[in-house]
Amino acid sequence: MSDLQVWFNPECSKCRTAHSILAERGVAATYVDYLHEPPSVDQLRDLLAMLGTTDPRTIARTGEARWRELGLEEADDESVLVAMTENPILIERPIVIVDGRAVVARPPERLLELIDHGSD
């Protein structure tokens, strides 16, 4: 398995659970604190392609107060992507990426789809 990357928020219980799942299986990962190192619009587009979609709402935390404050419900996709880079709290987590594939690990056990597949 190539380098596994996790977009991670250390304050998030689901992120910590994902970390534990990987650690229990001895899977090394690079943890990216995306709140402090926000992805670019191009990185978000690449991620969406790995998820098999172009809709940024797939990875958006639409329940966040900031989502409503910015009036993103009716926004076009480009505006949502820009808002996510400027307000990374709007990005769902954890997101696990490996070998050109990705999964939003909610619940955290969804990451098994990638690591189990990678060991076939």
PDB file of N, CA and C in Angstrom:
ATOM      1  N   MET A   1       0.858  -1.173   0.000  1.00  0.00           N
ATOM      2  CA  MET A   1       0.000   0.000   0.000  1.00  0.00           C
ATOM      3  C   MET A   1       0.901   1.232   0.000  1.00  0.00           C
ATOM      4  N   SER A   2       0.603   2.179  -0.872  1.00  0.00           N
ATOM      5  CA  SER A   2       1.353   3.434  -0.930  1.00  0.00           C
ATOM      6  C   SER A   2       1.073   4.263   0.313  1.00  0.00           C
ATOM      7  N   ASP A   3       1.612   5.457   0.290  1.00  0.00           N
ATOM      8  CA  ASP A   3       1.444   6.373   1.420  1.00  0.00           C
ATOM      9  C   ASP A   3      -0.028   6.674   1.654  1.00  0.00           C
ATOM     10  N   LEU A   4      -0.486   6.344   2.827  1.00  0.00           N
ATOM     11  CA  LEU A   4      -1.871   6.600   3.217  1.00  0.00           C
ATOM     12  C   LEU A   4      -1.903   7.945   3.930  1.00  0.00           C
ATOM     13  N   GLN A   5      -2.861   8.776   3.549  1.00  0.00           N
ATOM     14  CA  GLN A   5      -2.989  10.109   4.129  1.00  0.00           C
ATOM     15  C   GLN A   5      -4.360  10.246   4.777  1.00  0.00           C
ATOM     16  N   VAL A   6      -4.388  10.891   5.936  1.00  0.00           N
ATOM     17  CA  VAL A   6      -5.647  11.134   6.633  1.00  0.00           C
ATOM     18  C   VAL A   6      -5.771  12.629   6.887  1.00  0.00           C
ATOM     19  N   TRP A   7      -6.850  13.223   6.363  1.00  0.00           N
ATOM     20  CA  TRP A   7      -7.175  14.605   6.707  1.00  0.00           C
ATOM     21  C   TRP A   7      -7.829  14.527   8.072  1.00  0.00           C
ATOM     22  N   PHE A   8      -7.221  15.173   9.029  1.00  0.00           N
ATOM     23  CA  PHE A   8      -7.417  14.858  10.432  1.00  0.00           C
ATOM     24  C   PHE A   8      -7.622  16.120  11.264  1.00  0.00           C
ATOM     25  N   ASN A   9      -8.528  16.033  12.227  1.00  0.00           N
ATOM     26  CA  ASN A   9      -8.713  17.077  13.232  1.00  0.00           C
ATOM     27  C   ASN A   9      -8.523  16.387  14.582  1.00  0.00           C
ATOM     28  N   PRO A  10      -7.464  16.701  15.310  1.00  0.00           N
ATOM     29  CA  PRO A  10      -7.199  15.999  16.568  1.00  0.00           C
ATOM     30  C   PRO A  10      -8.293  16.171  17.618  1.00  0.00           C
ATOM     31  N   GLU A  11      -9.155  17.166  17.465  1.00  0.00           N
ATOM     32  CA  GLU A  11     -10.254  17.382  18.409  1.00  0.00           C
ATOM     33  C   GLU A  11     -11.468  16.515  18.091  1.00  0.00           C
ATOM     34  N   CYS A  12     -11.466  15.844  16.959  1.00  0.00           N
ATOM     35  CA  CYS A  12     -12.622  15.080  16.481  1.00  0.00           C
ATOM     36  C   CYS A  12     -12.535  13.619  16.942  1.00  0.00           C
ATOM     37  N   SER A  13     -13.571  13.151  17.606  1.00  0.00           N
ATOM     38  CA  SER A  13     -13.565  11.770  18.107  1.00  0.00           C
ATOM     39  C   SER A  13     -13.534  10.760  16.959  1.00  0.00           C
ATOM     40  N   LYS A  14     -14.182  11.057  15.856  1.00  0.00           N
ATOM     41  CA  LYS A  14     -14.172  10.130  14.716  1.00  0.00           C
ATOM     42  C   LYS A  14     -12.768  10.045  14.107  1.00  0.00           C
ATOM     43  N   CYS A  15     -12.053  11.159  14.100  1.00  0.00           N
ATOM     44  CA  CYS A  15     -10.667  11.151  13.628  1.00  0.00           C
ATOM     45  C   CYS A  15      -9.785  10.308  14.545  1.00  0.00           C
ATOM     46  N   ARG A  16      -9.983  10.468  15.839  1.00  0.00           N
ATOM     47  CA  ARG A  16      -9.196   9.679  16.791  1.00  0.00           C
ATOM     48  C   ARG A  16      -9.511   8.195  16.660  1.00  0.00           C
ATOM     49  N   THR A  17     -10.776   7.865  16.404  1.00  0.00           N
ATOM     50  CA  THR A  17     -11.143   6.461  16.197  1.00  0.00           C
ATOM     51  C   THR A  17     -10.481   5.926  14.935  1.00  0.00           C
ATOM     52  N   ALA A  18     -10.484   6.711  13.862  1.00  0.00           N
ATOM     53  CA  ALA A  18      -9.821   6.288  12.624  1.00  0.00           C
ATOM     54  C   ALA A  18      -8.331   6.040  12.876  1.00  0.00           C
ATOM     55  N   HIS A  19      -7.704   6.933  13.644  1.00  0.00           N
ATOM     56  CA  HIS A  19      -6.291   6.765  13.993  1.00  0.00           C
ATOM     57  C   HIS A  19      -6.081   5.441  14.725  1.00  0.00           C
ATOM     58  N   SER A  20      -6.958   5.145  15.670  1.00  0.00           N
ATOM     59  CA  SER A  20      -6.849   3.887  16.434  1.00  0.00           C
ATOM     60  C   SER A  20      -7.013   2.671  15.536  1.00  0.00           C
ATOM     61  N   ILE A  21      -7.958   2.714  14.619  1.00  0.00           N
ATOM     62  CA  ILE A  21      -8.174   1.589  13.692  1.00  0.00           C
ATOM     63  C   ILE A  21      -6.906   1.332  12.888  1.00  0.00           C
ATOM     64  N   LEU A  22      -6.306   2.392  12.378  1.00  0.00           N
ATOM     65  CA  LEU A  22      -5.079   2.236  11.584  1.00  0.00           C
ATOM     66  C   LEU A  22      -3.932   1.728  12.454  1.00  0.00           C
ATOM     67  N   ALA A  23      -3.803   2.282  13.647  1.00  0.00           N
ATOM     68  CA  ALA A  23      -2.722   1.862  14.546  1.00  0.00           C
ATOM     69  C   ALA A  23      -2.862   0.395  14.932  1.00  0.00           C
ATOM     70  N   GLU A  24      -4.090  -0.044  15.220  1.00  0.00           N
ATOM     71  CA  GLU A  24      -4.324  -1.447  15.594  1.00  0.00           C
ATOM     72  C   GLU A  24      -3.920  -2.405  14.478  1.00  0.00           C
ATOM     73  N   ARG A  25      -4.021  -1.942  13.246  1.00  0.00           N
ATOM     74  CA  ARG A  25      -3.680  -2.782  12.094  1.00  0.00           C
ATOM     75  C   ARG A  25      -2.241  -2.562  11.625  1.00  0.00           C
ATOM     76  N   GLY A  26      -1.520  -1.702  12.324  1.00  0.00           N
ATOM     77  CA  GLY A  26      -0.135  -1.433  11.964  1.00  0.00           C
ATOM     78  C   GLY A  26       0.016  -0.687  10.651  1.00  0.00           C
ATOM     79  N   VAL A  27      -0.992   0.092  10.283  1.00  0.00           N
ATOM     80  CA  VAL A  27      -0.958   0.839   9.027  1.00  0.00           C
ATOM     81  C   VAL A  27      -0.389   2.225   9.295  1.00  0.00           C
ATOM     82  N   ALA A  28       0.724   2.515   8.633  1.00  0.00           N
ATOM     83  CA  ALA A  28       1.343   3.836   8.764  1.00  0.00           C
ATOM     84  C   ALA A  28       0.552   4.840   7.937  1.00  0.00           C
ATOM     85  N   ALA A  29       0.448   6.042   8.447  1.00  0.00           N
ATOM     86  CA  ALA A  29      -0.287   7.082   7.747  1.00  0.00           C
ATOM     87  C   ALA A  29       0.348   8.434   8.014  1.00  0.00           C
ATOM     88  N   THR A  30       0.142   9.331   7.071  1.00  0.00           N
ATOM     89  CA  THR A  30       0.491  10.725   7.254  1.00  0.00           C
ATOM     90  C   THR A  30      -0.786  11.448   7.649  1.00  0.00           C
ATOM     91  N   TYR A  31      -0.742  12.136   8.770  1.00  0.00           N
ATOM     92  CA  TYR A  31      -1.915  12.849   9.267  1.00  0.00           C
ATOM     93  C   TYR A  31      -1.776  14.330   8.939  1.00  0.00           C
ATOM     94  N   VAL A  32      -2.732  14.843   8.186  1.00  0.00           N
ATOM     95  CA  VAL A  32      -2.714  16.238   7.767  1.00  0.00           C
ATOM     96  C   VAL A  32      -3.762  16.989   8.579  1.00  0.00           C
ATOM     97  N   ASP A  33      -3.297  17.923   9.387  1.00  0.00           N
ATOM     98  CA  ASP A  33      -4.210  18.763  10.162  1.00  0.00           C
ATOM     99  C   ASP A  33      -4.740  19.837   9.208  1.00  0.00           C
ATOM    100  N   TYR A  34      -5.785  19.485   8.493  1.00  0.00           N
ATOM    101  CA  TYR A  34      -6.291  20.338   7.417  1.00  0.00           C
ATOM    102  C   TYR A  34      -6.851  21.670   7.936  1.00  0.00           C
ATOM    103  N   LEU A  35      -7.137  21.779   9.228  1.00  0.00           N
ATOM    104  CA  LEU A  35      -7.590  23.056   9.776  1.00  0.00           C
ATOM    105  C   LEU A  35      -6.448  24.078   9.786  1.00  0.00           C
ATOM    106  N   HIS A  36      -5.218  23.577   9.953  1.00  0.00           N
ATOM    107  CA  HIS A  36      -4.051  24.454   9.969  1.00  0.00           C
ATOM    108  C   HIS A  36      -3.306  24.461   8.642  1.00  0.00           C
ATOM    109  N   GLU A  37      -3.550  23.457   7.817  1.00  0.00           N
ATOM    110  CA  GLU A  37      -2.967  23.365   6.476  1.00  0.00           C
ATOM    111  C   GLU A  37      -4.100  23.104   5.488  1.00  0.00           C
ATOM    112  N   PRO A  38      -4.942  24.115   5.234  1.00  0.00           N
ATOM    113  CA  PRO A  38      -6.111  23.890   4.380  1.00  0.00           C
ATOM    114  C   PRO A  38      -5.720  23.504   2.959  1.00  0.00           C
ATOM    115  N   PRO A  39      -6.490  22.626   2.361  1.00  0.00           N
ATOM    116  CA  PRO A  39      -6.220  22.256   0.972  1.00  0.00           C
ATOM    117  C   PRO A  39      -6.605  23.395   0.034  1.00  0.00           C
ATOM    118  N   SER A  40      -5.992  23.367  -1.142  1.00  0.00           N
ATOM    119  CA  SER A  40      -6.339  24.339  -2.176  1.00  0.00           C
ATOM    120  C   SER A  40      -7.611  23.881  -2.895  1.00  0.00           C
ATOM    121  N   VAL A  41      -8.164  24.752  -3.703  1.00  0.00           N
ATOM    122  CA  VAL A  41      -9.326  24.377  -4.513  1.00  0.00           C
ATOM    123  C   VAL A  41      -8.961  23.198  -5.413  1.00  0.00           C
ATOM    124  N   ASP A  42      -7.760  23.222  -6.005  1.00  0.00           N
ATOM    125  CA  ASP A  42      -7.348  22.108  -6.871  1.00  0.00           C
ATOM    126  C   ASP A  42      -7.229  20.801  -6.089  1.00  0.00           C
ATOM    127  N   GLN A  43      -6.703  20.873  -4.873  1.00  0.00           N
ATOM    128  CA  GLN A  43      -6.620  19.657  -4.049  1.00  0.00           C
ATOM    129  C   GLN A  43      -8.011  19.129  -3.724  1.00  0.00           C
ATOM    130  N   LEU A  44      -8.951  20.019  -3.459  1.00  0.00           N
ATOM    131  CA  LEU A  44     -10.321  19.584  -3.196  1.00  0.00           C
ATOM    132  C   LEU A  44     -10.932  18.942  -4.444  1.00  0.00           C
ATOM    133  N   ARG A  45     -10.668  19.522  -5.608  1.00  0.00           N
ATOM    134  CA  ARG A  45     -11.170  18.923  -6.857  1.00  0.00           C
ATOM    135  C   ARG A  45     -10.581  17.528  -7.060  1.00  0.00           C
ATOM    136  N   ASP A  46      -9.273  17.394  -6.806  1.00  0.00           N
ATOM    137  CA  ASP A  46      -8.630  16.075  -6.928  1.00  0.00           C
ATOM    138  C   ASP A  46      -9.270  15.073  -5.973  1.00  0.00           C
ATOM    139  N   LEU A  47      -9.519  15.515  -4.748  1.00  0.00           N
ATOM    140  CA  LEU A  47     -10.158  14.648  -3.761  1.00  0.00           C
ATOM    141  C   LEU A  47     -11.538  14.214  -4.241  1.00  0.00           C
ATOM    142  N   LEU A  48     -12.317  15.159  -4.741  1.00  0.00           N
ATOM    143  CA  LEU A  48     -13.656  14.820  -5.242  1.00  0.00           C
ATOM    144  C   LEU A  48     -13.574  13.794  -6.362  1.00  0.00           C
ATOM    145  N   ALA A  49     -12.591  13.933  -7.246  1.00  0.00           N
ATOM    146  CA  ALA A  49     -12.421  12.950  -8.327  1.00  0.00           C
ATOM    147  C   ALA A  49     -12.134  11.560  -7.750  1.00  0.00           C
ATOM    148  N   MET A  50     -11.307  11.508  -6.700  1.00  0.00           N
ATOM    149  CA  MET A  50     -11.011  10.220  -6.057  1.00  0.00           C
ATOM    150  C   MET A  50     -12.261   9.614  -5.428  1.00  0.00           C
ATOM    151  N   LEU A  51     -13.177  10.480  -5.009  1.00  0.00           N
ATOM    152  CA  LEU A  51     -14.437  10.025  -4.422  1.00  0.00           C
ATOM    153  C   LEU A  51     -15.490   9.712  -5.488  1.00  0.00           C
ATOM    154  N   GLY A  52     -15.171  10.037  -6.743  1.00  0.00           N
ATOM    155  CA  GLY A  52     -16.087   9.735  -7.838  1.00  0.00           C
ATOM    156  C   GLY A  52     -17.223  10.737  -7.985  1.00  0.00           C
ATOM    157  N   THR A  53     -16.966  12.004  -7.649  1.00  0.00           N
ATOM    158  CA  THR A  53     -18.002  13.022  -7.733  1.00  0.00           C
ATOM    159  C   THR A  53     -17.368  14.367  -8.073  1.00  0.00           C
ATOM    160  N   THR A  54     -18.179  15.311  -8.450  1.00  0.00           N
ATOM    161  CA  THR A  54     -17.725  16.692  -8.618  1.00  0.00           C
ATOM    162  C   THR A  54     -18.437  17.614  -7.628  1.00  0.00           C
ATOM    163  N   ASP A  55     -19.335  17.063  -6.843  1.00  0.00           N
ATOM    164  CA  ASP A  55     -20.154  17.854  -5.917  1.00  0.00           C
ATOM    165  C   ASP A  55     -19.415  18.085  -4.599  1.00  0.00           C
ATOM    166  N   PRO A  56     -18.998  19.328  -4.324  1.00  0.00           N
ATOM    167  CA  PRO A  56     -18.262  19.581  -3.085  1.00  0.00           C
ATOM    168  C   PRO A  56     -19.094  19.349  -1.827  1.00  0.00           C
ATOM    169  N   ARG A  57     -20.396  19.307  -1.955  1.00  0.00           N
ATOM    170  CA  ARG A  57     -21.236  19.052  -0.779  1.00  0.00           C
ATOM    171  C   ARG A  57     -21.030  17.633  -0.235  1.00  0.00           C
ATOM    172  N   THR A  58     -20.445  16.777  -1.051  1.00  0.00           N
ATOM    173  CA  THR A  58     -20.115  15.415  -0.628  1.00  0.00           C
ATOM    174  C   THR A  58     -19.153  15.424   0.557  1.00  0.00           C
ATOM    175  N   ILE A  59     -18.306  16.442   0.609  1.00  0.00           N
ATOM    176  CA  ILE A  59     -17.308  16.523   1.677  1.00  0.00           C
ATOM    177  C   ILE A  59     -17.530  17.748   2.566  1.00  0.00           C
ATOM    178  N   ALA A  60     -18.710  18.329   2.499  1.00  0.00           N
ATOM    179  CA  ALA A  60     -18.995  19.543   3.266  1.00  0.00           C
ATOM    180  C   ALA A  60     -19.742  19.232   4.552  1.00  0.00           C
ATOM    181  N   ARG A  61     -19.404  19.974   5.569  1.00  0.00           N
ATOM    182  CA  ARG A  61     -20.121  19.915   6.845  1.00  0.00           C
ATOM    183  C   ARG A  61     -21.225  20.967   6.780  1.00  0.00           C
ATOM    184  N   THR A  62     -22.310  20.595   6.137  1.00  0.00           N
ATOM    185  CA  THR A  62     -23.403  21.544   5.890  1.00  0.00           C
ATOM    186  C   THR A  62     -24.167  21.906   7.162  1.00  0.00           C
ATOM    187  N   GLY A  63     -23.940  21.187   8.238  1.00  0.00           N
ATOM    188  CA  GLY A  63     -24.592  21.495   9.502  1.00  0.00           C
ATOM    189  C   GLY A  63     -23.830  22.517  10.331  1.00  0.00           C
ATOM    190  N   GLU A  64     -22.629  22.883   9.885  1.00  0.00           N
ATOM    191  CA  GLU A  64     -21.824  23.871  10.606  1.00  0.00           C
ATOM    192  C   GLU A  64     -22.489  25.243  10.561  1.00  0.00           C
ATOM    193  N   ALA A  65     -22.409  25.959  11.650  1.00  0.00           N
ATOM    194  CA  ALA A  65     -22.949  27.321  11.696  1.00  0.00           C
ATOM    195  C   ALA A  65     -22.311  28.191  10.616  1.00  0.00           C
ATOM    196  N   ARG A  66     -21.028  27.987  10.366  1.00  0.00           N
ATOM    197  CA  ARG A  66     -20.319  28.792   9.356  1.00  0.00           C
ATOM    198  C   ARG A  66     -20.932  28.602   7.975  1.00  0.00           C
ATOM    199  N   TRP A  67     -21.418  27.406   7.667  1.00  0.00           N
ATOM    200  CA  TRP A  67     -22.080  27.118   6.387  1.00  0.00           C
ATOM    201  C   TRP A  67     -23.272  28.062   6.205  1.00  0.00           C
ATOM    202  N   ARG A  68     -24.071  28.150   7.252  1.00  0.00           N
ATOM    203  CA  ARG A  68     -25.251  29.023   7.204  1.00  0.00           C
ATOM    204  C   ARG A  68     -24.856  30.497   7.161  1.00  0.00           C
ATOM    205  N   GLU A  69     -23.854  30.863   7.969  1.00  0.00           N
ATOM    206  CA  GLU A  69     -23.398  32.255   8.003  1.00  0.00           C
ATOM    207  C   GLU A  69     -22.946  32.727   6.621  1.00  0.00           C
ATOM    208  N   LEU A  70     -22.322  31.845   5.877  1.00  0.00           N
ATOM    209  CA  LEU A  70     -21.820  32.191   4.551  1.00  0.00           C
ATOM    210  C   LEU A  70     -22.892  32.057   3.466  1.00  0.00           C
ATOM    211  N   GLY A  71     -24.079  31.546   3.827  1.00  0.00           N
ATOM    212  CA  GLY A  71     -25.162  31.406   2.861  1.00  0.00           C
ATOM    213  C   GLY A  71     -24.841  30.446   1.732  1.00  0.00           C
ATOM    214  N   LEU A  72     -24.220  29.320   2.065  1.00  0.00           N
ATOM    215  CA  LEU A  72     -23.742  28.394   1.039  1.00  0.00           C
ATOM    216  C   LEU A  72     -24.795  27.426   0.511  1.00  0.00           C
ATOM    217  N   GLU A  73     -25.949  27.391   1.123  1.00  0.00           N
ATOM    218  CA  GLU A  73     -26.965  26.417   0.698  1.00  0.00           C
ATOM    219  C   GLU A  73     -27.291  26.531  -0.787  1.00  0.00           C
ATOM    220  N   GLU A  74     -27.368  27.751  -1.289  1.00  0.00           N
ATOM    221  CA  GLU A  74     -27.706  27.971  -2.704  1.00  0.00           C
ATOM    222  C   GLU A  74     -26.483  28.332  -3.549  1.00  0.00           C
ATOM    223  N   ALA A  75     -25.293  28.255  -2.970  1.00  0.00           N
ATOM    224  CA  ALA A  75     -24.077  28.655  -3.679  1.00  0.00           C
ATOM    225  C   ALA A  75     -23.714  27.655  -4.768  1.00  0.00           C
ATOM    226  N   ASP A  76     -23.013  28.155  -5.799  1.00  0.00           N
ATOM    227  CA  ASP A  76     -22.534  27.252  -6.846  1.00  0.00           C
ATOM    228  C   ASP A  76     -21.322  26.483  -6.328  1.00  0.00           C
ATOM    229  N   ASP A  77     -20.948  25.436  -7.047  1.00  0.00           N
ATOM    230  CA  ASP A  77     -19.869  24.555  -6.591  1.00  0.00           C
ATOM    231  C   ASP A  77     -18.554  25.299  -6.377  1.00  0.00           C
ATOM    232  N   GLU A  78     -18.214  26.199  -7.286  1.00  0.00           N
ATOM    233  CA  GLU A  78     -16.955  26.935  -7.157  1.00  0.00           C
ATOM    234  C   GLU A  78     -16.939  27.755  -5.865  1.00  0.00           C
ATOM    235  N   SER A  79     -18.043  28.415  -5.563  1.00  0.00           N
ATOM    236  CA  SER A  79     -18.130  29.205  -4.328  1.00  0.00           C
ATOM    237  C   SER A  79     -17.989  28.320  -3.101  1.00  0.00           C
ATOM    238  N   VAL A  80     -18.560  27.134  -3.146  1.00  0.00           N
ATOM    239  CA  VAL A  80     -18.433  26.195  -2.019  1.00  0.00           C
ATOM    240  C   VAL A  80     -16.978  25.772  -1.861  1.00  0.00           C
ATOM    241  N   LEU A  81     -16.306  25.456  -2.963  1.00  0.00           N
ATOM    242  CA  LEU A  81     -14.897  25.050  -2.885  1.00  0.00           C
ATOM    243  C   LEU A  81     -14.034  26.163  -2.301  1.00  0.00           C
ATOM    244  N   VAL A  82     -14.238  27.375  -2.763  1.00  0.00           N
ATOM    245  CA  VAL A  82     -13.470  28.511  -2.237  1.00  0.00           C
ATOM    246  C   VAL A  82     -13.760  28.692  -0.748  1.00  0.00           C
ATOM    247  N   ALA A  83     -15.018  28.606  -0.371  1.00  0.00           N
ATOM    248  CA  ALA A  83     -15.385  28.744   1.049  1.00  0.00           C
ATOM    249  C   ALA A  83     -14.712  27.672   1.890  1.00  0.00           C
ATOM    250  N   MET A  84     -14.594  26.467   1.350  1.00  0.00           N
ATOM    251  CA  MET A  84     -13.962  25.380   2.107  1.00  0.00           C
ATOM    252  C   MET A  84     -12.464  25.623   2.300  1.00  0.00           C
ATOM    253  N   THR A  85     -11.796  26.215   1.325  1.00  0.00           N
ATOM    254  CA  THR A  85     -10.372  26.503   1.498  1.00  0.00           C
ATOM    255  C   THR A  85     -10.164  27.640   2.490  1.00  0.00           C
ATOM    256  N   GLU A  86     -11.096  28.594   2.499  1.00  0.00           N
ATOM    257  CA  GLU A  86     -10.987  29.732   3.409  1.00  0.00           C
ATOM    258  C   GLU A  86     -11.523  29.420   4.806  1.00  0.00           C
ATOM    259  N   ASN A  87     -12.364  28.401   4.906  1.00  0.00           N
ATOM    260  CA  ASN A  87     -12.993  27.992   6.167  1.00  0.00           C
ATOM    261  C   ASN A  87     -12.926  26.472   6.260  1.00  0.00           C
ATOM    262  N   PRO A  88     -11.748  25.915   6.502  1.00  0.00           N
ATOM    263  CA  PRO A  88     -11.603  24.458   6.443  1.00  0.00           C
ATOM    264  C   PRO A  88     -12.469  23.695   7.450  1.00  0.00           C
ATOM    265  N   ILE A  89     -13.023  24.389   8.429  1.00  0.00           N
ATOM    266  CA  ILE A  89     -13.954  23.730   9.352  1.00  0.00           C
ATOM    267  C   ILE A  89     -15.141  23.153   8.587  1.00  0.00           C
ATOM    268  N   LEU A  90     -15.365  23.640   7.372  1.00  0.00           N
ATOM    269  CA  LEU A  90     -16.480  23.173   6.551  1.00  0.00           C
ATOM    270  C   LEU A  90     -16.190  21.836   5.875  1.00  0.00           C
ATOM    271  N   ILE A  91     -14.961  21.342   5.970  1.00  0.00           N
ATOM    272  CA  ILE A  91     -14.596  20.074   5.329  1.00  0.00           C
ATOM    273  C   ILE A  91     -14.872  18.924   6.293  1.00  0.00           C
ATOM    274  N   GLU A  92     -15.570  17.939   5.790  1.00  0.00           N
ATOM    275  CA  GLU A  92     -15.878  16.743   6.587  1.00  0.00           C
ATOM    276  C   GLU A  92     -14.584  16.044   6.963  1.00  0.00           C
ATOM    277  N   ARG A  93     -14.627  15.294   8.043  1.00  0.00           N
ATOM    278  CA  ARG A  93     -13.465  14.544   8.494  1.00  0.00           C
ATOM    279  C   ARG A  93     -13.900  13.304   9.235  1.00  0.00           C
ATOM    280  N   PRO A  94     -13.018  12.329   9.306  1.00  0.00           N
ATOM    281  CA  PRO A  94     -11.738  12.228   8.623  1.00  0.00           C
ATOM    282  C   PRO A  94     -11.935  11.796   7.164  1.00  0.00           C
ATOM    283  N   ILE A  95     -10.974  12.164   6.351  1.00  0.00           N
ATOM    284  CA  ILE A  95     -10.940  11.708   4.965  1.00  0.00           C
ATOM    285  C   ILE A  95      -9.648  10.930   4.805  1.00  0.00           C
ATOM    286  N   VAL A  96      -9.758   9.729   4.264  1.00  0.00           N
ATOM    287  CA  VAL A  96      -8.606   8.847   4.088  1.00  0.00           C
ATOM    288  C   VAL A  96      -8.344   8.703   2.596  1.00  0.00           C
ATOM    289  N   ILE A  97      -7.074   8.864   2.223  1.00  0.00           N
ATOM    290  CA  ILE A  97      -6.666   8.825   0.820  1.00  0.00           C
ATOM    291  C   ILE A  97      -5.503   7.851   0.676  1.00  0.00           C
ATOM    292  N   VAL A  98      -5.607   6.975  -0.322  1.00  0.00           N
ATOM    293  CA  VAL A  98      -4.498   6.072  -0.643  1.00  0.00           C
ATOM    294  C   VAL A  98      -4.649   5.581  -2.074  1.00  0.00           C
ATOM    295  N   ASP A  99      -3.536   5.509  -2.765  1.00  0.00           N
ATOM    296  CA  ASP A  99      -3.496   4.949  -4.121  1.00  0.00           C
ATOM    297  C   ASP A  99      -4.551   5.541  -5.053  1.00  0.00           C
ATOM    298  N   GLY A 100      -4.737   6.849  -4.998  1.00  0.00           N
ATOM    299  CA  GLY A 100      -5.679   7.508  -5.893  1.00  0.00           C
ATOM    300  C   GLY A 100      -7.138   7.258  -5.577  1.00  0.00           C
ATOM    301  N   ARG A 101      -7.391   6.725  -4.389  1.00  0.00           N
ATOM    302  CA  ARG A 101      -8.767   6.498  -3.941  1.00  0.00           C
ATOM    303  C   ARG A 101      -8.940   7.196  -2.605  1.00  0.00           C
ATOM    304  N   ALA A 102     -10.201   7.509  -2.297  1.00  0.00           N
ATOM    305  CA  ALA A 102     -10.470   8.204  -1.038  1.00  0.00           C
ATOM    306  C   ALA A 102     -11.815   7.754  -0.481  1.00  0.00           C
ATOM    307  N   VAL A 103     -11.967   7.983   0.814  1.00  0.00           N
ATOM    308  CA  VAL A 103     -13.243   7.717   1.475  1.00  0.00           C
ATOM    309  C   VAL A 103     -13.407   8.717   2.613  1.00  0.00           C
ATOM    310  N   VAL A 104     -14.632   9.212   2.757  1.00  0.00           N
ATOM    311  CA  VAL A 104     -14.972   9.993   3.937  1.00  0.00           C
ATOM    312  C   VAL A 104     -15.282   8.948   5.003  1.00  0.00           C
ATOM    313  N   ALA A 105     -14.436   8.888   6.020  1.00  0.00           N
ATOM    314  CA  ALA A 105     -14.509   7.808   7.012  1.00  0.00           C
ATOM    315  C   ALA A 105     -15.503   8.136   8.117  1.00  0.00           C
ATOM    316  N   ARG A 106     -16.758   8.216   7.734  1.00  0.00           N
ATOM    317  CA  ARG A 106     -17.864   8.422   8.668  1.00  0.00           C
ATOM    318  C   ARG A 106     -18.902   7.364   8.356  1.00  0.00           C
ATOM    319  N   PRO A 107     -19.008   6.364   9.165  1.00  0.00           N
ATOM    320  CA  PRO A 107     -18.249   6.127  10.394  1.00  0.00           C
ATOM    321  C   PRO A 107     -16.795   5.770  10.079  1.00  0.00           C
ATOM    322  N   PRO A 108     -15.919   5.881  11.073  1.00  0.00           N
ATOM    323  CA  PRO A 108     -14.496   5.648  10.852  1.00  0.00           C
ATOM    324  C   PRO A 108     -14.180   4.285  10.225  1.00  0.00           C
ATOM    325  N   GLU A 109     -15.001   3.294  10.482  1.00  0.00           N
ATOM    326  CA  GLU A 109     -14.759   1.957   9.937  1.00  0.00           C
ATOM    327  C   GLU A 109     -14.799   1.937   8.409  1.00  0.00           C
ATOM    328  N   ARG A 110     -15.342   2.982   7.804  1.00  0.00           N
ATOM    329  CA  ARG A 110     -15.362   3.052   6.335  1.00  0.00           C
ATOM    330  C   ARG A 110     -13.954   3.038   5.748  1.00  0.00           C
ATOM    331  N   LEU A 111     -12.961   3.448   6.531  1.00  0.00           N
ATOM    332  CA  LEU A 111     -11.599   3.440   6.008  1.00  0.00           C
ATOM    333  C   LEU A 111     -11.138   2.022   5.670  1.00  0.00           C
ATOM    334  N   LEU A 112     -11.778   1.014   6.265  1.00  0.00           N
ATOM    335  CA  LEU A 112     -11.441  -0.376   5.967  1.00  0.00           C
ATOM    336  C   LEU A 112     -11.675  -0.708   4.496  1.00  0.00           C
ATOM    337  N   GLU A 113     -12.604   0.016   3.847  1.00  0.00           N
ATOM    338  CA  GLU A 113     -12.850  -0.183   2.420  1.00  0.00           C
ATOM    339  C   GLU A 113     -11.570   0.034   1.620  1.00  0.00           C
ATOM    340  N   LEU A 114     -10.739   0.965   2.068  1.00  0.00           N
ATOM    341  CA  LEU A 114      -9.500   1.268   1.361  1.00  0.00           C
ATOM    342  C   LEU A 114      -8.360   0.344   1.778  1.00  0.00           C
ATOM    343  N   ILE A 115      -8.195   0.156   3.078  1.00  0.00           N
ATOM    344  CA  ILE A 115      -7.017  -0.619   3.497  1.00  0.00           C
ATOM    345  C   ILE A 115      -7.229  -2.115   3.260  1.00  0.00           C
ATOM    346  N   ASP A 116      -8.456  -2.603   3.364  1.00  0.00           N
ATOM    347  CA  ASP A 116      -8.700  -4.004   3.070  1.00  0.00           C
ATOM    348  C   ASP A 116      -8.565  -4.272   1.576  1.00  0.00           C
ATOM    349  N   HIS A 117      -9.048  -3.324   0.764  1.00  0.00           N
ATOM    350  CA  HIS A 117      -8.930  -3.442  -0.695  1.00  0.00           C
ATOM    351  C   HIS A 117      -7.473  -3.405  -1.118  1.00  0.00           C
ATOM    352  N   GLY A 118      -6.698  -2.545  -0.424  1.00  0.00           N
ATOM    353  CA  GLY A 118      -5.283  -2.397  -0.770  1.00  0.00           C
ATOM    354  C   GLY A 118      -4.454  -3.625  -0.478  1.00  0.00           C
ATOM    355  N   SER A 119      -4.965  -4.530   0.349  1.00  0.00           N
ATOM    356  CA  SER A 119      -4.205  -5.734   0.695  1.00  0.00           C
ATOM    357  C   SER A 119      -4.652  -6.956  -0.103  1.00  0.00           C
ATOM    358  N   ASP A 120      -5.545  -6.743  -1.102  1.00  0.00           N
ATOM    359  CA  ASP A 120      -6.003  -7.872  -1.928  1.00  0.00           C
ATOM    360  C   ASP A 120      -4.878  -8.418  -2.779  1.00  0.00           C
TER     361      ASP A 120
END
